[in-house]
Amino acid sequence: MTRRGTNISLKSYEDIFTTEEKRQETGEQVVMIPVNQIHEFKNHPFKVLDDEDMRKTVDSIREYGVLVPVIIRPDGNGEYEMISGHRRRYASILAGKKEVPAIIREMDDDTATILMVDSNLQREHILPSERAKAYKMKLEALKHQGKRTDLTSCQVGTRLRADEELAKQTGESARTVQRFVRLNNLIPELLDLVDEKKIAFNPAV
């Protein structure tokens, strides 16, 4: 039996902007965008799998539609780049939907990277390779922003190093963040073995 609201189980940074009240405050509106006009975020680190959760999401979308809008940004070429909602877009395609409800938001590359990572890190199951790539991308974005903490969810005025700032946001230690980032130095074949739990985390680092 399909669980009502499967595709709205989202506990993330994105939730801040999903209520009608919040959208009115920010002046944002939900519009229907053709799925073929939205492409993946560049170097998206999170895998979109045809697993049991995806099948449940497809069933939910067939019955109820996409209940939480995706977040996209204009790509400058008349189409859009996905920031948050890769799984919902893919599930919509499998469900035969031609359009998805979307919030279009103008943002620079660093802000887009941070939102993309934050909206995915709250997922229940994240592979070590996904976390490693996501931490690296967000770390680089935070470094680019420098002291412009107004573009992040950190407290204004913080002078933490980028890795300490990321650790504070994720609840990890700065050392753990650094260790995950180091996994990116592995060749893809070895990183796959870490995901498959054939190589333990510490030896991999």
Protein backbone atom coordinates (compact mmCIF):
# COMPACT_ATOMS: atom_id res chain seq x y z
CA MET A 1 0.00 0.00 0.00
CA THR A 2 1.36 3.41 -0.93
CA ARG A 3 2.25 5.59 2.04
CA ARG A 4 0.67 9.01 1.74
CA GLY A 5 3.23 11.75 1.45
CA THR A 6 6.23 9.55 0.76
CA ASN A 7 7.83 12.23 -1.38
CA ILE A 8 7.51 14.92 1.30
CA SER A 9 9.62 13.21 3.94
CA LEU A 10 12.24 15.93 3.81
CA LYS A 11 13.95 17.23 6.95
CA SER A 12 16.43 19.69 5.54
CA TYR A 13 17.55 23.24 4.97
CA GLU A 14 15.10 23.29 2.08
CA ASP A 15 12.14 23.01 4.50
CA ILE A 16 12.68 26.64 5.51
CA PHE A 17 11.28 27.72 2.16
CA THR A 18 8.52 25.20 1.56
CA THR A 19 5.63 26.80 3.46
CA GLU A 20 3.32 29.24 1.75
CA GLU A 21 3.97 31.81 4.50
CA LYS A 22 7.72 31.67 3.95
CA ARG A 23 7.34 31.86 0.18
CA GLN A 24 5.22 34.99 0.54
CA GLU A 25 7.84 36.56 2.78
CA THR A 26 10.60 35.91 0.25
CA GLY A 27 8.42 36.79 -2.75
CA GLU A 28 8.99 33.35 -4.26
CA GLN A 29 6.31 31.47 -6.12
CA VAL A 30 5.82 27.86 -7.10
CA VAL A 31 5.61 27.36 -10.87
CA MET A 32 5.30 24.27 -13.03
CA ILE A 33 8.48 23.59 -15.04
CA PRO A 34 8.93 20.86 -17.71
CA VAL A 35 11.20 18.13 -16.38
CA ASN A 36 13.22 18.18 -19.61
CA GLN A 37 14.18 21.80 -18.96
CA ILE A 38 15.91 20.92 -15.67
CA HIS A 39 19.36 19.35 -15.63
CA GLU A 40 21.41 17.97 -12.76
CA PHE A 41 23.58 20.12 -10.54
CA LYS A 42 27.13 20.14 -11.88
CA ASN A 43 29.16 17.33 -10.26
CA HIS A 44 26.17 16.32 -8.13
CA PRO A 45 27.72 14.04 -5.47
CA PHE A 46 24.57 12.14 -4.46
CA LYS A 47 23.45 9.07 -6.39
CA VAL A 48 19.87 8.74 -7.62
CA LEU A 49 19.13 5.04 -7.37
CA ASP A 50 16.30 2.82 -8.61
CA ASP A 51 15.83 1.35 -5.15
CA GLU A 52 12.81 0.54 -2.97
CA ASP A 53 12.57 4.13 -1.71
CA MET A 54 12.51 5.36 -5.29
CA ARG A 55 9.70 2.97 -6.19
CA LYS A 56 7.68 4.23 -3.21
CA THR A 57 8.31 7.81 -4.27
CA VAL A 58 7.18 7.02 -7.83
CA ASP A 59 3.98 5.44 -6.50
CA SER A 60 3.35 8.45 -4.26
CA ILE A 61 3.89 10.90 -7.11
CA ARG A 62 1.57 8.94 -9.39
CA GLU A 63 -1.17 9.18 -6.76
CA TYR A 64 -0.62 12.59 -5.18
CA GLY A 65 1.85 14.43 -7.40
CA VAL A 66 5.01 16.15 -6.15
CA LEU A 67 4.01 17.69 -2.84
CA VAL A 68 7.26 19.51 -2.07
CA PRO A 69 8.51 21.85 -4.85
CA VAL A 70 12.03 21.34 -6.17
CA ILE A 71 14.45 24.27 -6.01
CA ILE A 72 16.15 25.31 -9.25
CA ARG A 73 18.13 28.24 -10.62
CA PRO A 74 18.35 29.67 -14.14
CA ASP A 75 21.37 28.33 -16.02
CA GLY A 76 21.69 31.32 -18.37
CA ASN A 77 20.74 29.23 -21.40
CA GLY A 78 16.98 29.28 -21.05
CA GLU A 79 16.87 26.18 -18.87
CA TYR A 80 17.43 25.41 -15.20
CA GLU A 81 19.91 23.70 -12.90
CA MET A 82 18.55 21.50 -10.13
CA ILE A 83 19.59 22.58 -6.64
CA SER A 84 17.35 20.39 -4.52
CA GLY A 85 14.99 17.71 -5.78
CA HIS A 86 16.99 15.36 -8.01
CA ARG A 87 15.14 12.28 -6.69
CA ARG A 88 11.73 13.94 -7.07
CA ARG A 89 12.51 14.95 -10.64
CA TYR A 90 13.68 11.44 -11.54
CA ALA A 91 10.68 9.85 -9.82
CA SER A 92 8.39 12.25 -11.69
CA ILE A 93 9.87 11.10 -15.00
CA LEU A 94 9.34 7.44 -14.01
CA ALA A 95 5.78 8.32 -13.00
CA GLY A 96 5.12 9.81 -16.43
CA LYS A 97 4.91 13.41 -15.27
CA LYS A 98 5.90 16.11 -17.77
CA GLU A 99 6.28 18.92 -15.23
CA VAL A 100 7.27 19.41 -11.61
CA PRO A 101 6.39 22.22 -9.19
CA ALA A 102 9.48 24.36 -8.67
CA ILE A 103 10.80 27.40 -6.86
CA ILE A 104 13.12 29.37 -9.13
CA ARG A 105 15.85 31.08 -7.15
CA GLU A 106 18.70 33.28 -8.33
CA MET A 107 21.90 32.37 -6.50
CA ASP A 108 25.63 32.31 -7.09
CA ASP A 109 27.63 29.10 -7.44
CA ASP A 110 28.78 28.95 -3.82
CA THR A 111 25.33 29.56 -2.36
CA ALA A 112 23.86 26.98 -4.74
CA THR A 113 26.48 24.42 -3.72
CA ILE A 114 25.82 24.95 -0.02
CA LEU A 115 22.05 24.62 -0.43
CA MET A 116 22.44 21.54 -2.64
CA VAL A 117 24.67 19.84 -0.06
CA ASP A 118 22.60 20.87 2.96
CA SER A 119 19.35 19.67 1.42
CA ASN A 120 20.86 16.21 0.83
CA LEU A 121 22.93 15.64 3.98
CA GLN A 122 19.77 15.06 6.02
CA ARG A 123 18.98 11.92 4.05
CA GLU A 124 18.78 8.75 6.11
CA HIS A 125 21.26 6.78 4.03
CA ILE A 126 24.39 8.48 2.67
CA LEU A 127 27.32 6.53 1.24
CA PRO A 128 30.86 7.44 2.41
CA SER A 129 31.72 8.50 -1.16
CA GLU A 130 28.70 10.81 -1.28
CA ARG A 131 29.55 12.40 2.05
CA ALA A 132 33.20 12.77 1.03
CA LYS A 133 32.36 14.54 -2.23
CA ALA A 134 29.66 16.68 -0.60
CA TYR A 135 31.95 17.80 2.22
CA LYS A 136 34.66 18.71 -0.26
CA MET A 137 32.26 20.74 -2.41
CA LYS A 138 30.78 22.60 0.55
CA LEU A 139 34.23 23.18 2.06
CA GLU A 140 35.41 24.80 -1.14
CA ALA A 141 32.25 26.93 -1.31
CA LEU A 142 32.73 28.12 2.27
CA LYS A 143 36.35 29.01 1.51
CA HIS A 144 35.23 31.02 -1.52
CA GLN A 145 32.71 32.89 0.58
CA GLY A 146 35.35 33.75 3.15
CA LYS A 147 33.83 35.94 5.82
CA ARG A 148 30.50 36.39 3.94
CA THR A 149 28.64 34.34 6.51
CA ASP A 150 25.41 36.10 5.50
CA LEU A 151 25.21 33.58 2.66
CA THR A 152 25.29 30.59 5.01
CA SER A 153 23.37 29.43 8.02
CA CYS A 154 26.31 30.21 10.33
CA GLN A 155 26.20 32.99 12.87
CA VAL A 156 27.24 36.35 11.45
CA GLY A 157 30.77 37.28 12.40
CA THR A 158 32.19 33.81 12.92
CA ARG A 159 35.90 33.52 12.22
CA LEU A 160 36.13 29.77 12.18
CA ARG A 161 38.22 28.07 9.56
CA ALA A 162 36.17 26.59 6.75
CA ASP A 163 36.58 23.00 8.00
CA GLU A 164 35.63 24.04 11.54
CA GLU A 165 32.64 25.93 10.17
CA LEU A 166 31.52 22.89 8.21
CA ALA A 167 32.03 20.69 11.26
CA LYS A 168 29.88 23.03 13.32
CA GLN A 169 27.07 22.86 10.76
CA THR A 170 27.16 19.08 10.30
CA GLY A 171 27.72 18.11 13.93
CA GLU A 172 30.94 16.32 13.02
CA SER A 173 34.38 17.10 14.40
CA ALA A 174 36.74 19.08 12.15
CA ARG A 175 39.00 16.02 12.10
CA THR A 176 36.16 13.79 10.86
CA VAL A 177 35.34 16.31 8.13
CA GLN A 178 38.99 16.34 7.06
CA ARG A 179 39.10 12.54 7.03
CA PHE A 180 36.02 12.30 4.82
CA VAL A 181 37.49 14.87 2.43
CA ARG A 182 40.66 12.77 2.19
CA LEU A 183 38.63 9.86 0.80
CA ASN A 184 38.38 11.84 -2.43
CA ASN A 185 42.05 10.99 -3.04
CA LEU A 186 41.15 7.33 -3.54
CA ILE A 187 40.78 6.01 -7.05
CA PRO A 188 37.10 5.31 -7.93
CA GLU A 189 37.53 1.53 -7.65
CA LEU A 190 38.75 1.78 -4.06
CA LEU A 191 36.10 4.33 -3.15
CA ASP A 192 33.47 1.88 -4.42
CA LEU A 193 34.91 -0.77 -2.08
CA VAL A 194 34.49 1.66 0.83
CA ASP A 195 30.83 2.16 -0.14
CA GLU A 196 30.40 -1.61 -0.33
CA LYS A 197 31.99 -1.95 3.15
CA LYS A 198 34.75 -4.13 1.75
CA ILE A 199 37.28 -1.57 2.96
CA ALA A 200 36.72 -0.01 6.39
CA PHE A 201 36.72 3.76 6.82
CA ASN A 202 39.96 4.11 8.82
CA PRO A 203 42.16 2.02 6.48
CA ALA A 204 40.62 3.89 3.55
CA VAL A 205 41.61 7.24 5.06
